[in-house]
Amino acid sequence: MKLPRDISGEELAKLLKKFGYEITRQTGSHIRLTTKFERRTSHYNPMAQTT
């Protein structure tokens, strides 16, 4: 996937905020974004059963 080169980091961070990302840390010009997606899985594994 190619990223557009005509968008600033600040603009990208604002855009990603709409999708659930948050700025968690910034050091100089580097920004760390994180998101919290809730994933639900089952402990049941049908492939582990033997017949």
C-alpha atoms as a PDB file:
ATOM      1  CA  MET A   1       0.000   0.000   0.000  1.00  0.00           C
ATOM      2  CA  LYS A   2       1.442   3.350  -0.982  1.00  0.00           C
ATOM      3  CA  LEU A   3       1.048   6.227   1.408  1.00  0.00           C
ATOM      4  CA  PRO A   4       0.301   9.706   0.111  1.00  0.00           C
ATOM      5  CA  ARG A   5       3.298  12.043   0.335  1.00  0.00           C
ATOM      6  CA  ASP A   6       1.299  15.292   0.371  1.00  0.00           C
ATOM      7  CA  ILE A   7      -0.167  14.908   3.868  1.00  0.00           C
ATOM      8  CA  SER A   8       1.576  16.012   7.051  1.00  0.00           C
ATOM      9  CA  GLY A   9       1.939  13.844  10.131  1.00  0.00           C
ATOM     10  CA  GLU A  10      -0.409  16.123  12.046  1.00  0.00           C
ATOM     11  CA  GLU A  11      -3.088  15.791   9.372  1.00  0.00           C
ATOM     12  CA  LEU A  12      -2.663  12.015   9.329  1.00  0.00           C
ATOM     13  CA  ALA A  13      -2.976  11.822  13.124  1.00  0.00           C
ATOM     14  CA  LYS A  14      -6.210  13.846  12.980  1.00  0.00           C
ATOM     15  CA  LEU A  15      -7.569  11.572  10.255  1.00  0.00           C
ATOM     16  CA  LEU A  16      -6.682   8.399  12.149  1.00  0.00           C
ATOM     17  CA  LYS A  17      -8.315   9.788  15.298  1.00  0.00           C
ATOM     18  CA  LYS A  18     -11.659   9.393  13.516  1.00  0.00           C
ATOM     19  CA  PHE A  19     -10.914   5.659  13.269  1.00  0.00           C
ATOM     20  CA  GLY A  20     -10.154   5.197  16.963  1.00  0.00           C
ATOM     21  CA  TYR A  21      -6.429   5.920  17.105  1.00  0.00           C
ATOM     22  CA  GLU A  22      -4.975   8.079  19.879  1.00  0.00           C
ATOM     23  CA  ILE A  23      -1.650   9.862  20.234  1.00  0.00           C
ATOM     24  CA  THR A  24       0.013   8.084  23.150  1.00  0.00           C
ATOM     25  CA  ARG A  25       3.500   9.548  22.959  1.00  0.00           C
ATOM     26  CA  GLN A  26       5.394  12.210  21.089  1.00  0.00           C
ATOM     27  CA  THR A  27       9.162  12.646  21.071  1.00  0.00           C
ATOM     28  CA  GLY A  28      10.258  15.532  18.882  1.00  0.00           C
ATOM     29  CA  SER A  29       8.643  15.023  15.504  1.00  0.00           C
ATOM     30  CA  HIS A  30       7.862  11.338  16.080  1.00  0.00           C
ATOM     31  CA  ILE A  31       4.306  10.481  17.095  1.00  0.00           C
ATOM     32  CA  ARG A  32       3.166   7.099  18.417  1.00  0.00           C
ATOM     33  CA  LEU A  33      -0.459   6.223  17.724  1.00  0.00           C
ATOM     34  CA  THR A  34      -2.306   3.349  19.341  1.00  0.00           C
ATOM     35  CA  THR A  35      -5.785   1.953  19.100  1.00  0.00           C
ATOM     36  CA  LYS A  36      -7.868  -0.320  21.251  1.00  0.00           C
ATOM     37  CA  PHE A  37      -9.835  -2.801  19.223  1.00  0.00           C
ATOM     38  CA  GLU A  38     -11.759  -5.323  21.239  1.00  0.00           C
ATOM     39  CA  ARG A  39     -11.303  -8.811  19.894  1.00  0.00           C
ATOM     40  CA  ARG A  40     -13.434 -11.654  21.139  1.00  0.00           C
ATOM     41  CA  THR A  41     -12.294 -15.192  20.661  1.00  0.00           C
ATOM     42  CA  SER A  42     -13.468 -18.524  21.886  1.00  0.00           C
ATOM     43  CA  HIS A  43     -11.347 -20.971  23.827  1.00  0.00           C
ATOM     44  CA  TYR A  44     -13.003 -23.752  21.871  1.00  0.00           C
ATOM     45  CA  ASN A  45     -10.743 -25.131  19.166  1.00  0.00           C
ATOM     46  CA  PRO A  46     -12.528 -27.655  16.918  1.00  0.00           C
ATOM     47  CA  MET A  47      -9.229 -28.657  15.247  1.00  0.00           C
ATOM     48  CA  ALA A  48      -7.836 -29.902  18.589  1.00  0.00           C
ATOM     49  CA  GLN A  49     -10.443 -32.658  18.929  1.00  0.00           C
ATOM     50  CA  THR A  50      -9.418 -36.175  18.063  1.00  0.00           C
ATOM     51  CA  THR A  51     -11.879 -38.688  16.678  1.00  0.00           C
END
